[in-house]
Protein backbone atom coordinates (compact mmCIF):
# COMPACT_ATOMS: atom_id res chain seq x y z
CA MET A 1 10.97 -8.28 -26.91
CA ALA A 2 7.41 -6.77 -26.33
CA ASP A 3 5.41 -6.44 -29.38
CA ASP A 4 5.73 -2.70 -30.35
CA LYS A 5 2.05 -2.54 -31.37
CA ASP A 6 1.23 -3.18 -27.83
CA VAL A 7 3.04 -1.40 -26.13
CA LYS A 8 3.70 2.92 -25.77
CA MET A 9 5.55 4.44 -23.48
CA GLN A 10 4.48 7.68 -21.67
CA ARG A 11 7.48 9.31 -19.69
CA ILE A 12 6.59 10.71 -16.38
CA ALA A 13 8.71 13.87 -15.44
CA GLY A 14 10.72 12.97 -12.16
CA HIS A 15 10.99 16.59 -11.31
CA SER A 16 7.46 17.50 -10.81
CA GLU A 17 5.95 18.70 -7.36
CA GLU A 18 3.21 16.63 -7.90
CA ARG A 19 4.54 13.26 -8.76
CA PHE A 20 5.54 10.68 -6.12
CA LEU A 21 8.36 9.23 -8.11
CA GLY A 22 9.32 9.72 -11.18
CA SER A 23 9.08 6.41 -13.79
CA ASP A 24 7.82 5.26 -17.08
CA ILE A 25 4.37 3.75 -17.62
CA PHE A 26 4.20 1.28 -20.26
CA GLU A 27 0.84 0.97 -21.80
CA SER A 28 -0.22 -2.45 -23.26
CA THR A 29 -2.93 -4.75 -24.12
CA ARG A 30 -3.33 -8.22 -23.05
CA HIS A 31 -1.81 -10.60 -26.10
CA THR A 32 -0.39 -13.40 -24.51
CA LEU A 33 -3.45 -15.39 -23.92
CA PRO A 34 -6.31 -16.43 -26.29
CA PRO A 35 -9.53 -15.28 -24.99
CA PRO A 36 -11.69 -17.55 -22.91
CA ARG A 37 -15.03 -19.19 -24.31
CA ARG A 38 -17.48 -17.48 -22.63
CA GLY A 39 -20.96 -17.58 -22.00
CA GLY A 40 -24.19 -18.97 -20.50
CA ARG A 41 -24.75 -19.11 -17.07
CA ILE A 42 -24.86 -22.32 -14.41
CA ARG A 43 -26.90 -22.15 -10.98
CA GLU A 44 -24.60 -22.31 -7.87
CA GLU A 45 -26.99 -24.75 -5.40
CA ALA A 46 -27.82 -22.98 -2.19
CA ARG A 47 -26.24 -24.80 0.97
CA GLU A 48 -26.04 -24.06 4.85
CA ILE A 49 -22.24 -23.77 6.08
CA ASP A 50 -20.72 -23.86 9.58
CA VAL A 51 -19.58 -20.76 11.36
CA TYR A 52 -15.61 -20.60 12.09
CA HIS A 53 -15.46 -18.18 14.32
CA GLN A 54 -17.12 -15.56 16.20
CA CYS A 55 -15.39 -11.99 17.00
CA ASP A 56 -15.59 -8.38 18.05
CA VAL A 57 -13.59 -7.46 14.51
CA ALA A 58 -12.76 -9.60 11.87
CA VAL A 59 -9.52 -7.99 9.58
CA ILE A 60 -10.23 -8.83 5.92
CA GLY A 61 -6.85 -8.87 4.85
CA GLY A 62 -2.99 -9.29 6.20
CA GLY A 63 -1.64 -6.55 4.37
CA PRO A 64 0.28 -3.35 6.00
CA ALA A 65 -3.29 -1.81 6.75
CA GLY A 66 -4.44 -4.70 7.54
CA CYS A 67 -1.35 -5.45 10.12
CA ALA A 68 -2.13 -2.42 11.71
CA ALA A 69 -5.85 -2.37 12.35
CA ALA A 70 -5.54 -6.23 13.83
CA TRP A 71 -2.78 -4.92 15.96
CA ALA A 72 -4.53 -1.79 16.82
CA ALA A 73 -7.89 -3.32 17.72
CA ALA A 74 -6.74 -6.45 19.41
CA LYS A 75 -4.61 -3.44 21.73
CA ALA A 76 -7.81 -1.76 22.11
CA GLY A 77 -9.29 -4.43 23.56
CA ALA A 78 -11.48 -6.16 20.95
CA ASP A 79 -11.16 -9.87 20.21
CA VAL A 80 -9.50 -9.60 16.63
CA THR A 81 -9.44 -12.42 13.63
CA LEU A 82 -7.48 -11.74 10.63
CA VAL A 83 -8.45 -13.68 7.17
CA GLU A 84 -5.02 -13.54 5.08
CA ARG A 85 -5.07 -15.29 1.69
CA TYR A 86 -1.42 -15.82 1.74
CA ASN A 87 1.00 -17.83 3.73
CA CYS A 88 2.17 -14.53 5.70
CA LEU A 89 1.58 -11.01 6.63
CA GLY A 90 2.46 -8.20 5.10
CA GLY A 91 1.05 -7.95 1.79
CA LEU A 92 3.19 -6.16 -0.90
CA SER A 93 5.48 -4.83 1.86
CA THR A 94 6.45 -8.64 1.93
CA GLY A 95 4.60 -11.07 -0.60
CA GLY A 96 5.31 -7.98 -2.88
CA LEU A 97 8.98 -7.69 -2.49
CA VAL A 98 7.74 -4.04 -1.99
CA MET A 99 10.38 -3.76 0.54
CA TRP A 100 10.96 -0.01 0.07
CA ILE A 101 9.24 1.82 2.79
CA ASP A 102 8.36 5.50 1.32
CA ARG A 103 8.07 8.70 3.44
CA MET A 104 7.36 8.79 7.38
CA THR A 105 8.93 12.68 7.67
CA ASP A 106 7.42 15.78 6.46
CA TRP A 107 9.83 17.92 4.41
CA GLN A 108 11.32 19.46 7.92
CA GLY A 109 12.13 15.52 8.86
CA ASN A 110 9.46 15.46 11.48
CA HIS A 111 8.21 11.98 11.91
CA VAL A 112 4.78 11.87 11.33
CA ILE A 113 3.63 8.50 10.54
CA GLN A 114 4.76 6.85 13.60
CA GLY A 115 2.09 4.51 15.71
CA PHE A 116 2.01 0.97 14.21
CA ALA A 117 4.54 2.64 11.91
CA ARG A 118 7.26 3.59 13.87
CA GLU A 119 7.15 0.09 16.36
CA PHE A 120 7.02 -2.11 13.57
CA ILE A 121 10.15 -0.73 12.42
CA GLU A 122 12.16 -0.19 15.55
CA ARG A 123 11.27 -4.29 16.25
CA MET A 124 13.44 -5.10 13.16
CA PRO A 125 16.75 -5.87 13.72
CA ALA A 126 19.71 -3.41 12.53
CA GLU A 127 20.89 -5.20 10.12
CA SER A 128 17.25 -6.18 8.38
CA VAL A 129 17.03 -1.34 8.01
CA ALA A 130 18.82 0.24 5.30
CA GLY A 131 18.49 3.76 5.60
CA PRO A 132 19.49 7.66 6.60
CA PRO A 133 19.94 8.05 10.39
CA ARG A 134 17.78 10.28 12.61
CA ALA A 135 20.58 12.96 12.13
CA ASP A 136 19.99 13.59 8.73
CA TRP A 137 16.39 13.26 8.46
CA GLY A 138 15.64 17.08 6.81
CA GLN A 139 18.93 17.50 6.03
CA THR A 140 19.45 19.59 2.54
CA ASP A 141 23.10 19.37 2.19
CA PRO A 142 23.96 18.00 -1.14
CA LEU A 143 26.24 15.98 -0.14
CA LYS A 144 24.00 13.66 1.54
CA VAL A 145 21.30 14.14 -0.69
CA ASN A 146 23.38 12.84 -3.35
CA TYR A 147 24.18 9.79 -1.44
CA TRP A 148 21.02 8.87 -0.29
CA GLN A 149 18.37 10.14 -3.32
CA ASN A 150 20.55 6.83 -4.78
CA ARG A 151 19.35 4.96 -2.23
CA THR A 152 15.45 6.08 -3.05
CA THR A 153 15.18 7.92 0.36
CA ALA A 154 15.70 11.76 -0.61
CA PHE A 155 12.72 13.82 -2.74
CA HIS A 156 13.22 16.95 -4.10
CA GLY A 157 16.30 17.74 -2.35
CA ILE A 158 15.77 16.45 0.78
CA VAL A 159 16.58 13.43 3.09
CA GLN A 160 13.39 11.80 4.31
CA TRP A 161 12.97 8.72 6.44
CA ALA A 162 11.84 6.13 3.96
CA PRO A 163 14.18 2.90 4.74
CA THR A 164 14.31 -0.18 3.07
CA LEU A 165 13.69 -3.60 4.71
CA ASP A 166 14.17 -7.32 5.00
CA PRO A 167 10.87 -8.78 3.81
CA GLU A 168 11.01 -12.31 5.14
CA VAL A 169 11.94 -10.66 8.45
CA MET A 170 8.81 -8.28 8.04
CA LYS A 171 7.06 -11.57 7.68
CA LEU A 172 7.99 -12.76 11.21
CA ASN A 173 7.66 -8.99 12.56
CA ASN A 174 4.16 -8.63 11.69
CA GLN A 175 3.06 -12.62 12.47
CA GLU A 176 4.71 -12.05 16.08
CA MET A 177 3.33 -8.72 16.59
CA LEU A 178 -0.38 -9.62 16.07
CA LEU A 179 0.17 -12.60 18.13
CA ALA A 180 1.87 -10.92 21.22
CA ALA A 181 -1.74 -8.70 20.72
CA GLY A 182 -3.57 -11.69 20.94
CA VAL A 183 -4.99 -11.77 17.19
CA ARG A 184 -6.02 -15.18 15.83
CA LEU A 185 -4.61 -15.13 12.28
CA VAL A 186 -6.02 -17.41 9.20
CA PHE A 187 -4.11 -17.97 5.98
CA HIS A 188 -4.42 -19.86 3.11
CA ALA A 189 -8.39 -18.30 3.27
CA TRP A 190 -10.00 -15.84 0.62
CA ALA A 191 -12.93 -13.55 1.98
CA ALA A 192 -15.33 -14.62 -0.70
CA ARG A 193 -18.49 -12.51 0.07
CA PRO A 194 -19.52 -10.34 3.32
CA ILE A 195 -22.61 -11.02 4.88
CA VAL A 196 -24.60 -8.32 5.05
CA GLU A 197 -28.20 -8.03 6.51
CA ASP A 198 -30.30 -4.95 6.86
CA GLY A 199 -27.37 -2.79 5.50
CA VAL A 200 -25.05 -3.81 8.21
CA ALA A 201 -22.25 -5.80 7.96
CA LYS A 202 -22.35 -8.90 10.47
CA GLY A 203 -19.30 -10.82 9.21
CA VAL A 204 -17.70 -12.74 5.91
CA VAL A 205 -17.67 -15.82 4.24
CA PHE A 206 -13.80 -17.36 3.87
CA GLU A 207 -12.78 -20.27 1.46
CA SER A 208 -10.26 -22.61 2.35
CA LYS A 209 -9.14 -26.13 1.99
CA ALA A 210 -11.95 -27.10 4.64
CA GLY A 211 -14.27 -25.47 2.18
CA ARG A 212 -16.99 -22.65 2.78
CA GLN A 213 -16.87 -21.29 6.44
CA ALA A 214 -18.21 -18.18 7.84
CA LEU A 215 -16.93 -15.94 9.89
CA LEU A 216 -18.83 -13.62 12.01
CA ALA A 217 -17.91 -10.06 14.15
CA LYS A 218 -19.58 -7.24 15.28
CA VAL A 219 -17.31 -4.84 12.87
CA VAL A 220 -15.44 -5.59 9.53
CA VAL A 221 -12.26 -4.10 8.77
CA ASP A 222 -11.79 -3.99 5.01
CA THR A 223 -8.18 -4.01 4.20
CA SER A 224 -8.48 -6.57 0.83
CA GLY A 225 -6.69 -3.71 -1.12
CA ASP A 226 -9.18 -3.73 -4.33
CA GLY A 227 -12.13 -3.20 -1.27
CA ASP A 228 -13.43 -6.50 -2.63
CA MET A 229 -15.84 -6.17 0.65
CA PHE A 230 -17.31 -3.05 1.15
CA ALA A 231 -17.57 -3.31 -3.11
CA ARG A 232 -19.46 -7.23 -2.46
CA ALA A 233 -21.63 -5.73 0.10
CA GLY A 234 -23.04 -2.99 -2.26
CA ALA A 235 -21.27 0.06 -1.11
CA ASP A 236 -20.41 3.03 -3.16
CA PHE A 237 -17.04 3.47 -4.72
CA ASP A 238 -14.68 5.11 -7.56
CA THR A 239 -12.85 3.81 -10.35
CA ASP A 240 -11.22 6.84 -11.95
CA ILE A 241 -7.41 7.42 -12.30
CA GLU A 242 -4.86 10.06 -13.02
CA GLU A 243 -3.37 8.70 -16.81
CA GLY A 244 -0.30 10.54 -15.78
CA ASP A 245 0.82 8.53 -12.66
CA VAL A 246 1.99 5.56 -11.86
CA HIS A 247 -0.08 4.60 -9.35
CA HIS A 248 -3.03 2.34 -11.70
CA SER A 249 -0.22 0.47 -13.04
CA MET A 250 0.81 -3.50 -12.22
CA ASN A 251 4.02 -5.37 -12.01
CA THR A 252 5.34 -8.57 -10.29
CA ALA A 253 8.49 -7.52 -8.40
CA TRP A 254 11.40 -9.46 -8.09
CA VAL A 255 15.06 -9.28 -6.91
CA ALA A 256 18.68 -10.47 -8.40
CA GLY A 257 21.61 -11.56 -6.21
CA GLY A 258 25.34 -11.40 -6.49
CA VAL A 259 25.79 -7.54 -7.59
CA ASP A 260 27.36 -4.95 -6.32
CA MET A 261 24.77 -1.92 -5.80
CA ASN A 262 27.68 0.54 -4.43
CA ARG A 263 29.65 0.32 -8.08
CA TRP A 264 26.30 0.04 -9.72
CA ILE A 265 25.49 3.34 -8.33
CA ASN A 266 28.76 4.83 -8.93
CA TRP A 267 28.95 4.21 -12.17
CA LYS A 268 25.47 5.84 -13.34
CA THR A 269 26.37 8.88 -11.13
CA LEU A 270 29.61 9.41 -12.64
CA TYR A 271 28.44 8.47 -16.53
CA PRO A 272 24.79 9.88 -17.16
CA GLU A 273 24.99 9.56 -21.17
CA GLN A 274 26.59 5.86 -20.77
CA LEU A 275 23.91 4.92 -18.34
CA ARG A 276 21.21 6.73 -21.15
CA GLN A 277 22.60 4.63 -23.65
CA LEU A 278 21.65 0.98 -21.58
CA VAL A 279 18.41 2.06 -20.98
CA GLU A 280 17.71 2.91 -24.44
CA LYS A 281 19.06 -0.47 -25.51
CA GLY A 282 17.10 -2.23 -22.95
CA ARG A 283 14.05 -0.84 -24.32
CA GLU A 284 14.98 -2.13 -27.46
CA GLU A 285 15.82 -5.38 -26.58
CA LEU A 286 13.25 -5.99 -23.82
CA GLY A 287 10.93 -3.79 -24.73
CA PHE A 288 9.33 -3.37 -21.34
CA PHE A 289 12.45 -2.11 -19.27
CA GLN A 290 13.55 -0.68 -15.99
CA THR A 291 16.37 0.02 -14.01
CA PRO A 292 16.84 -1.49 -10.59
CA TYR A 293 16.27 -0.02 -6.66
CA VAL A 294 18.52 -0.89 -3.60
CA THR A 295 17.47 -3.08 -1.12
CA TRP A 296 18.45 -3.73 2.41
CA ARG A 297 21.77 -5.75 0.80
CA PRO A 298 24.31 -4.14 -1.02
CA ASP A 299 24.12 -7.17 -3.03
CA ILE A 300 20.77 -7.79 -3.49
CA ALA A 301 18.94 -5.38 -6.01
CA MET A 302 15.10 -5.25 -7.23
CA TRP A 303 12.69 -4.26 -9.44
CA LEU A 304 9.25 -2.60 -9.16
CA GLY A 305 8.16 -2.89 -12.48
CA PRO A 306 8.30 -2.35 -15.59
CA ARG A 307 5.29 -0.82 -14.87
CA GLN A 308 2.65 -1.87 -17.11
CA SER A 309 -1.22 -0.24 -17.51
CA GLY A 310 -4.52 -0.89 -19.37
CA LEU A 311 -4.84 -3.96 -17.90
CA SER A 312 -6.81 -4.25 -14.55
CA ALA A 313 -6.31 -6.35 -11.59
CA LEU A 314 -10.16 -7.14 -11.36
CA ASP A 315 -9.65 -9.34 -14.16
CA VAL A 316 -8.74 -12.54 -13.88
CA ASP A 317 -6.66 -12.86 -17.49
CA ASP A 318 -5.39 -9.33 -17.65
CA MET A 319 -3.77 -10.31 -14.29
CA THR A 320 -2.38 -13.65 -15.75
CA GLU A 321 -1.07 -11.69 -18.74
CA VAL A 322 0.76 -9.39 -16.21
CA GLU A 323 2.32 -12.65 -14.54
CA ILE A 324 3.51 -13.99 -17.21
CA ARG A 325 5.26 -11.14 -18.86
CA CYS A 326 7.04 -10.34 -15.94
CA HIS A 327 8.39 -13.36 -14.75
CA ARG A 328 10.03 -13.56 -18.50
CA LEU A 329 11.37 -9.61 -18.19
CA MET A 330 12.78 -11.13 -14.61
CA GLU A 331 15.06 -13.69 -16.80
CA GLY A 332 15.30 -10.79 -18.90
CA HIS A 333 16.65 -8.19 -17.43
CA THR A 334 18.36 -10.09 -15.44
CA ARG A 335 20.24 -11.83 -18.88
CA PHE A 336 20.92 -7.97 -19.74
CA PHE A 337 22.25 -6.58 -17.23
CA ARG A 338 24.79 -9.36 -16.51
CA GLU A 339 26.03 -8.97 -19.78
CA ASN A 340 25.94 -4.56 -20.10
CA ALA A 341 25.63 -3.27 -16.53
CA PRO A 342 28.69 -2.71 -14.59
CA GLY A 343 28.06 -4.23 -10.67
CA PHE A 344 25.78 -7.08 -12.49
CA GLU A 345 28.43 -9.47 -14.08
CA ASN A 346 27.57 -12.23 -12.12
CA CYS A 347 23.95 -11.25 -11.20
CA PHE A 348 21.24 -14.32 -10.98
CA SER A 349 17.79 -14.01 -10.56
CA LEU A 350 16.94 -14.55 -6.36
CA GLN A 351 13.32 -14.29 -6.58
CA SER A 352 9.91 -12.82 -7.89
CA ALA A 353 7.09 -11.53 -5.87
CA SER A 354 4.39 -14.23 -4.62
CA GLN A 355 2.21 -11.10 -4.71
CA LEU A 356 0.58 -8.82 -7.89
CA GLY A 357 2.00 -5.84 -7.40
CA VAL A 358 -1.35 -3.71 -7.67
CA ARG A 359 -1.76 -0.16 -6.97
CA HIS A 360 -5.56 0.88 -7.83
CA THR A 361 -8.69 -1.16 -8.55
CA ARG A 362 -11.39 0.61 -6.30
CA ARG A 363 -11.31 3.82 -3.92
CA LEU A 364 -14.19 3.54 -1.13
CA ALA A 365 -16.53 6.47 -1.34
CA GLY A 366 -16.54 7.30 2.19
CA VAL A 367 -18.45 9.98 4.15
CA SER A 368 -15.63 12.29 3.46
CA ARG A 369 -12.12 11.94 1.23
CA ILE A 370 -8.80 13.24 0.99
CA GLU A 371 -8.88 15.55 -2.41
CA ARG A 372 -5.99 17.34 -4.53
CA LYS A 373 -7.76 20.58 -3.83
CA ASP A 374 -7.60 20.86 -0.53
CA TRP A 375 -3.54 19.43 -0.36
CA PRO A 376 -2.49 23.16 0.25
CA LEU A 377 -4.94 24.64 3.13
CA GLY A 378 -3.07 22.38 5.57
CA GLY A 379 -4.67 22.18 9.31
CA ALA A 380 -6.42 19.88 10.81
CA ARG A 381 -9.71 17.93 9.90
CA PRO A 382 -12.70 18.25 12.34
CA ASP A 383 -12.10 14.21 12.81
CA GLU A 384 -8.49 13.99 12.12
CA VAL A 385 -7.00 10.39 13.14
CA GLY A 386 -3.73 10.29 10.77
CA ILE A 387 -1.37 12.87 9.20
CA SER A 388 -0.05 12.29 6.66
CA PRO A 389 3.65 13.46 4.78
CA SER A 390 2.65 15.93 1.65
CA ILE A 391 3.75 14.91 -2.42
CA SER A 392 6.01 18.02 -2.18
CA PRO A 393 7.62 20.84 0.20
CA LYS A 394 5.01 22.93 -1.98
CA PHE A 395 2.59 21.67 0.11
CA PRO A 396 1.77 21.11 4.32
CA VAL A 397 1.31 17.95 5.97
CA VAL A 398 -2.42 16.15 5.34
CA SER A 399 -4.64 15.59 7.61
CA VAL A 400 -6.10 11.88 7.81
CA PRO A 401 -10.40 12.34 8.34
CA TYR A 402 -11.82 9.38 10.31
CA GLY A 403 -15.03 9.82 7.40
CA SER A 404 -12.23 8.53 4.93
CA LEU A 405 -12.45 5.37 6.32
CA VAL A 406 -16.17 4.87 6.22
CA PRO A 407 -18.72 3.93 4.04
CA ARG A 408 -21.50 6.49 2.81
CA ALA A 409 -24.67 4.29 3.48
CA LEU A 410 -22.93 0.56 4.69
CA ASP A 411 -22.60 0.16 8.44
CA GLY A 412 -20.74 -2.70 10.46
CA MET A 413 -17.81 -1.88 8.21
CA LEU A 414 -14.87 0.43 7.79
CA ALA A 415 -12.12 0.13 5.23
CA ALA A 416 -8.35 1.04 5.53
CA GLY A 417 -5.42 1.20 2.58
CA ARG A 418 -4.81 1.99 -0.47
CA HIS A 419 -8.96 1.95 -1.15
CA VAL A 420 -9.05 4.45 1.28
CA SER A 421 -11.55 7.84 0.49
CA CYS A 422 -9.55 10.21 -1.88
CA ASP A 423 -9.44 11.64 -5.49
CA ALA A 424 -7.34 9.87 -8.02
CA ASN A 425 -4.46 12.55 -7.35
CA SER A 426 -4.51 11.74 -3.61
CA HIS A 427 -4.27 7.93 -4.45
CA GLY A 428 -0.69 8.90 -5.70
CA PHE A 429 0.92 8.89 -1.92
CA MET A 430 -2.25 7.15 0.30
CA ARG A 431 -1.38 4.12 -1.32
CA GLU A 432 1.71 3.88 -0.37
CA ILE A 433 3.13 1.28 2.74
CA PRO A 434 3.10 4.18 5.25
CA GLN A 435 -0.24 5.55 4.53
CA CYS A 436 -1.98 2.08 4.88
CA TRP A 437 -0.45 1.56 8.19
CA LEU A 438 -1.74 4.91 8.86
CA THR A 439 -5.47 4.45 7.72
CA GLY A 440 -5.24 0.75 9.01
CA HIS A 441 -3.78 1.85 12.70
CA ALA A 442 -7.15 4.48 12.48
CA ALA A 443 -9.47 1.77 11.54
CA GLY A 444 -8.24 -0.90 13.85
CA VAL A 445 -9.22 1.48 16.76
CA GLY A 446 -12.17 2.89 15.53
CA ALA A 447 -13.50 -0.62 15.01
CA ALA A 448 -12.50 -2.00 18.79
CA VAL A 449 -14.23 1.22 20.13
CA ALA A 450 -17.70 0.43 18.17
CA ALA A 451 -17.14 -2.82 19.19
CA ASN A 452 -16.76 -2.15 22.71
CA ARG A 453 -19.31 0.28 23.12
CA GLY A 454 -22.10 -1.71 20.99
CA VAL A 455 -21.96 1.22 18.24
CA GLN A 456 -21.96 1.48 14.51
CA PRO A 457 -18.09 2.64 13.38
CA ARG A 458 -19.68 5.87 11.95
CA ALA A 459 -21.23 6.72 15.64
CA VAL A 460 -17.90 6.26 17.88
CA ASP A 461 -16.69 9.02 19.55
CA VAL A 462 -13.96 10.53 17.56
CA ASP A 463 -12.13 11.95 20.71
CA GLU A 464 -12.19 8.29 21.97
CA VAL A 465 -10.33 6.93 19.11
CA ARG A 466 -8.35 9.49 18.82
CA ALA A 467 -7.13 9.11 22.52
CA ILE A 468 -6.75 5.77 22.03
CA LEU A 469 -4.14 6.27 18.78
CA ARG A 470 -2.01 8.86 21.12
CA SER A 471 -1.80 5.96 23.73
CA GLN A 472 -0.72 3.78 20.54
CA GLY A 473 1.95 6.00 19.68
CA ALA A 474 0.37 8.10 16.95
CA HIS A 475 1.30 11.10 15.94
CA LEU A 476 -1.86 13.77 15.65
CA SER A 477 -2.70 17.39 15.79
CA GLU A 478 -3.22 18.79 18.88
CA ASP A 479 -6.97 18.53 20.10
CA ALA A 480 -7.26 22.06 19.91
CA ALA A 481 -6.48 22.33 16.36
CA VAL A 482 -9.28 19.47 15.67
CA VAL A 483 -11.69 21.88 18.06
CA LYS A 484 -11.02 24.77 15.76
CA ALA A 485 -11.53 22.88 12.61
CA ARG A 486 -15.38 21.29 14.11
CA GLY A 487 -16.07 25.34 14.90
CA GLU A 488 -14.99 26.19 11.72
CA THR A 489 -16.97 23.96 9.67
CA ASP A 490 -19.77 24.17 11.88
CA SER A 491 -20.41 28.10 10.90
CA VAL A 492 -19.80 27.05 7.36
CA PRO A 493 -23.58 27.41 6.02
CA ALA A 494 -25.13 24.99 4.56
CA GLU A 495 -25.83 24.86 0.83
């Protein structure tokens, strides 16, 4: 059981229209590991390193954003290399076991996040996808809402397209889509630093079993999730968080087998008071506690928590603390549910994630950004490259600007994924997997256009980027709406 001195639970209201997901956050400090013996410095010897490869576009990180970026850039005619530190693609959606893919429809059921995202899911075998049929998207029928909200695809009384996918099939699907597009894959390679000359990124240095090598590129796309490349290149970034949201917490996800999720759902729906008592008992016994989510199979359950805040994903000791704690919690939860929860009498620990579940570290300070104050406005941005669902029916869809991918000063680089340029409120949904697909897709096309035209990413013709995105299946506002937005922007007097 976690030490009460180190655990403080902060309850988040599940009905709030400005929360993506109601949850519990457990605030904690490091207490498992003794402090390291820090102090002093050593000098690292300077040396020449071999050039591994030269390409048009180097994508750093093979998570959802990186896969979309590499695929899109290659489809747009660029020579692309993707560097990934693990042994598979998909990032948190696969290695992190975040197999629940969040909303890709607006509150009327329109499919707004498409492009790479849609092609990726449509390539998945039917038995590897669990989610509502197309006819139910946008439904408000109470019976359908009640059914799907227990399967994480109905929010605010509206059924959404938010499927759960088999993570192993996703790994293969990502791999085969990128190979078919002509992307060079480099697994088991950790990008250590960007190569920057006169304020322009020229590639990256990465470490592998072969030692230290250089990858040279016309454009670097940082999809590391933590902004490692743009931060180390000296680009500006933000780190502020919204204390009451889940997006700044960490955990290692896990799955358990041998369960009957249909029985569990029926029980917790019919007996809410017994569920409340079960949760209280779990908190008393385990300290950190969370109930499970559905997966693509009714005999497998997953835990995407407990979510722990107050620890940093940029601190190796904090990350180690969370891993140690979560692996203990995996066994503790499995035992607790086997002994106490209907449908879990025969459950067993099946797998823990190979990647730590990080929600926030750095966010790019871009040429423009997505902000809470703009949520109610609706309409297209002058440089729109994607459309995201909003946080609740209270708001229209969110137009994603190309400028949110572009560093304010650094050239030769774009950034996409959970470190896209936005404020702390907007990060709560812009970090999700579909939005990472969206911004990755846009960054990949932008990088390819820049490389193909021999210009910096900030200087590309956004209309050309939009045309290629549309040809690759992305959903965008009408061109006339973008032109109108440009006119309105031009008419605003300078401060």
